[in-house]
């Protein structure tokens, strides 16, 4: 691959200039400067690793870069959502594959910042071990690697994490929810369709008054009418939405990408086995390379979260997230089920599960551990005052 002198020296400048928009977003999210820079620096390391890996081994990213040289507007929407910005940076600014990968990596880093803020809100009043776990999750290799390069995954990861953050406060962040769905639509229209459906279900279940419910249902219905047909066409179902068409589609998708070490016979599995394979494989004993070992370690942590969080829910623990919780459950379970039934390759699942896994991680970690409770402290003006402590009953003293 030919690289000019300008392209070579521009990479450090792109990395340095990328700090500015991330700091602006970090201030909006109330992230500290050091935290923002740490997330960006760590994620950029994986952008470099991802770029060198693709250059050495090939991949979709190189295909997008080549197609950007002469854009074909008849290209399917999902691919076009990557090719058009790639063509813009390649033709207007003369950037090479490595440079453009750094820009896409910034989008993944911004997504990671949204995810970090959401996780910190879930563990802010919980025990230290959960705070450490939440910090560790942000720096997991799989999250950073698959959201780091030129392609759909960095954009869809940004959308998912912005959507998660927006769901924590629908009333004040609905504009960001709409933006996150629009971003997802450019690269994964079928996932955007699922987001809209989850949003509509949430509104119907959680709206306080009938007028507000009907108003939002009207808005959601328009969005469904506009987006879902695009999503079905992108997925290959077209207008034939019936059981026979859906069954044929699933069987066809299950036969794709069976070649190579990542292929598994998903068609012969039951639905629970498909769900488990999609989310948690490869397991530790299945790892046959450094990349597989890193993925297996991540999957082990995910499995712990799901088992521990699921057990906590069975014991009656709740997160108290309100309508945000409803949206996350509807979208994540819908996405997990559809993708698990239609994916036959572990390499694909490792990338694509991050379009919904952040929401499941948040839901499970939010019910783990005990909340810190409030203890009274002496105050000279005879008010009820509290301080935080762990494992202490809520008590109030009149001073």
Foldseek 3Di string as FASTA:
>chain_A
DDDDPCQVVCQVVLLVVLLVVQVVVCVVLVHDSVVSVVLSVLLQVLLVVLLVVCVVPNDVLVVLLVCLVPPDPVPQQQSCLQNVVSVCCCVVVVHDQSNVLQVQQSLLSLLLSLLLSLQCVLPVQFDPVLVVVSVVLSNQSLSSNLLRGRHNLVQLSSLLSLCLSCLLPVVVRVVSNVVSLVSCCRNQLLLSLLLLVLVLVLLCPAPDDPVSSVVVNVVSVVVNVPRVQSNCVSLPLHPVPDPVSVVVSLVVLQPPPQDDPFFDNLVPDDLVVLLCCLQQPPACVSDDDPVRNSLNVSSVSVVVLCVQLVVLVVVPFALPSGSSLSSLVSSLVVVSSVCSSRHGGNVVSSRPNSSRSSSVSSRSSSRDGDGWEWDADDDPPQDWDTDTDPPDDHDTDGD
